[in-house]
Every structure is written in C-alpha cells, then in structure tokens.
C-alpha cells in the first residue's frame, strides 16, 4: 500500500509543477512579449514632426530619421541632438501627447 500512495503524490506534484509554469507564463512572459511587440511597432511608426520624450526626460521634435537607427531630435529651435531610436520612451511620449490633445481649448 505504501507504493500506491507515493505514485499518486508524484502525479499531483507533476500537475502542480505544470500549473506553476502556466501561471509564470501568463503573468510574466506573455505580458513582457506583448510590451516588446508594442515597443517595436512604436519605434517603426516614428516620423518627422513627432513630439517625443527620451528615457532621460528630454522633450523634443523629430527632425530627421537616419537609416542607421538614429534620429535627429530638435530640443529647441536650431538645436539638434543625435539619438538612438531606442532612447525614446514609449510611455512618456504617449503620456505627453495624450495631455497635449486632451487640453481644453479656451
């Protein structure tokens, strides 16, 4: 009888391990993959004239997008900075553009 009890316990442990892996995938891996996909689409959709915010908090307007994955950001009239596309913050840019479009017209 001792042998039968250990076999059913082993099956339960296998199911429990499977459930842990499923929960880990649902709450960790899947959302991260979704966010990476959104970030990639955001980078592809950047164009001249877009108002953006960098990861370091600098605000500016895209003046030129280069073929090497960089862009020229105009931070003030006549002042340009060359940045990597990956330095643009998707969350902060969306937030600043949302605030700009939601501002009431007086």
Protein backbone atom coordinates (compact mmCIF):
# COMPACT_ATOMS: atom_id res chain seq x y z
CA UNK A 1 0.00 0.00 0.00
CA UNK A 2 2.88 2.35 0.57
CA UNK A 3 3.84 2.15 -3.13
CA UNK A 4 0.40 3.26 -4.31
CA UNK A 5 0.39 6.38 -2.14
CA UNK A 6 3.72 7.61 -3.47
CA UNK A 7 2.57 7.18 -7.08
CA UNK A 8 -0.48 9.40 -6.64
CA UNK A 9 1.61 12.01 -4.84
CA UNK A 10 4.06 12.08 -7.76
CA UNK A 11 1.21 12.73 -10.18
CA UNK A 12 -0.01 15.62 -8.05
CA UNK A 13 3.49 17.12 -7.99
CA UNK A 14 3.69 16.91 -11.79
CA UNK A 15 0.33 18.67 -12.18
CA UNK A 16 1.34 21.30 -9.61
CA UNK A 17 4.61 21.96 -11.49
CA UNK A 18 2.64 22.34 -14.73
CA UNK A 19 0.30 24.85 -13.08
CA UNK A 20 3.25 26.87 -11.74
CA UNK A 21 4.76 27.02 -15.24
CA UNK A 22 1.40 28.09 -16.71
CA UNK A 23 0.95 30.87 -14.14
CA UNK A 24 4.53 32.04 -14.68
CA UNK A 25 3.91 32.20 -18.45
CA UNK A 26 0.58 34.05 -18.07
CA UNK A 27 1.83 36.69 -15.64
CA UNK A 28 5.49 37.15 -16.62
CA UNK A 29 6.45 36.02 -20.10
CA UNK A 30 3.28 36.84 -22.07
CA UNK A 31 2.92 40.48 -20.90
CA UNK A 32 6.63 41.13 -21.49
CA UNK A 33 6.42 39.77 -25.04
CA UNK A 34 3.34 41.92 -25.69
CA UNK A 35 5.12 45.03 -24.41
CA UNK A 36 8.17 44.29 -26.61
CA UNK A 37 5.90 43.98 -29.64
CA UNK A 38 4.24 47.33 -28.84
CA UNK A 39 7.66 48.97 -28.38
CA UNK A 40 8.82 47.65 -31.77
CA UNK A 41 5.70 48.99 -33.51
CA UNK A 42 6.15 52.34 -31.74
CA UNK A 43 9.75 52.62 -33.00
CA UNK A 44 8.68 51.77 -36.56
CA UNK A 45 5.89 54.37 -36.52
CA UNK A 46 8.12 57.30 -35.51
CA UNK A 47 8.19 60.01 -38.17
CA UNK A 48 9.41 63.54 -38.74
CA UNK A 49 7.50 66.10 -36.72
CA UNK A 50 6.52 63.75 -33.87
CA UNK A 51 6.86 65.22 -30.39
CA UNK A 52 8.71 62.72 -28.21
CA UNK A 53 10.28 62.33 -24.77
CA UNK A 54 13.54 60.46 -24.27
CA UNK A 55 14.18 57.96 -21.48
CA UNK A 56 16.27 60.62 -19.74
CA UNK A 57 13.35 63.09 -19.88
CA UNK A 58 14.40 65.41 -22.72
CA UNK A 59 11.48 66.72 -24.80
CA UNK A 60 11.81 67.46 -28.49
CA UNK A 61 10.55 67.09 -32.03
CA UNK A 62 11.93 64.56 -34.50
CA UNK A 63 13.66 66.42 -37.33
CA UNK A 64 15.17 63.51 -39.27
CA UNK A 65 15.23 59.72 -39.04
CA UNK A 66 18.52 58.20 -40.21
CA UNK A 67 18.98 54.77 -41.78
CA UNK A 68 21.39 53.62 -39.05
CA UNK A 69 18.72 53.53 -36.31
CA UNK A 70 19.37 57.05 -35.07
CA UNK A 71 17.36 60.23 -35.31
CA UNK A 72 17.92 63.95 -35.04
CA UNK A 73 15.89 65.48 -32.22
CA UNK A 74 15.27 69.21 -32.16
CA UNK A 75 15.26 70.20 -28.49
CA UNK A 76 14.98 73.94 -29.10
CA UNK A 77 14.82 75.97 -32.33
CA UNK A 78 18.07 75.29 -34.17
CA UNK A 79 19.49 72.86 -31.55
CA UNK A 80 19.70 69.22 -32.61
CA UNK A 81 20.80 66.07 -30.81
CA UNK A 82 21.57 62.76 -32.48
CA UNK A 83 19.95 59.88 -30.53
CA UNK A 84 19.32 56.19 -30.90
CA UNK A 85 15.69 55.32 -31.61
CA UNK A 86 15.74 53.11 -28.54
CA UNK A 87 16.30 56.20 -26.36
CA UNK A 88 12.71 57.32 -26.99
CA UNK A 89 10.32 56.42 -24.16
CA UNK A 90 7.06 54.94 -25.44
CA UNK A 91 5.20 55.51 -22.16
CA UNK A 92 6.35 59.08 -21.58
CA UNK A 93 5.77 60.05 -25.22
CA UNK A 94 2.23 58.64 -25.14
CA UNK A 95 1.58 60.49 -21.88
CA UNK A 96 2.81 63.86 -23.18
CA UNK A 97 0.87 63.51 -26.46
CA UNK A 98 -2.27 62.48 -24.57
CA UNK A 99 -2.01 65.56 -22.34
CA UNK A 100 -1.44 67.81 -25.37
CA UNK A 101 -4.52 66.50 -27.21
CA UNK A 102 -6.71 66.46 -24.08
CA UNK A 103 -6.01 70.11 -23.18
CA UNK A 104 -9.24 72.13 -23.27
CA UNK A 105 -9.50 74.88 -25.89
CA UNK A 106 -10.33 78.26 -24.38
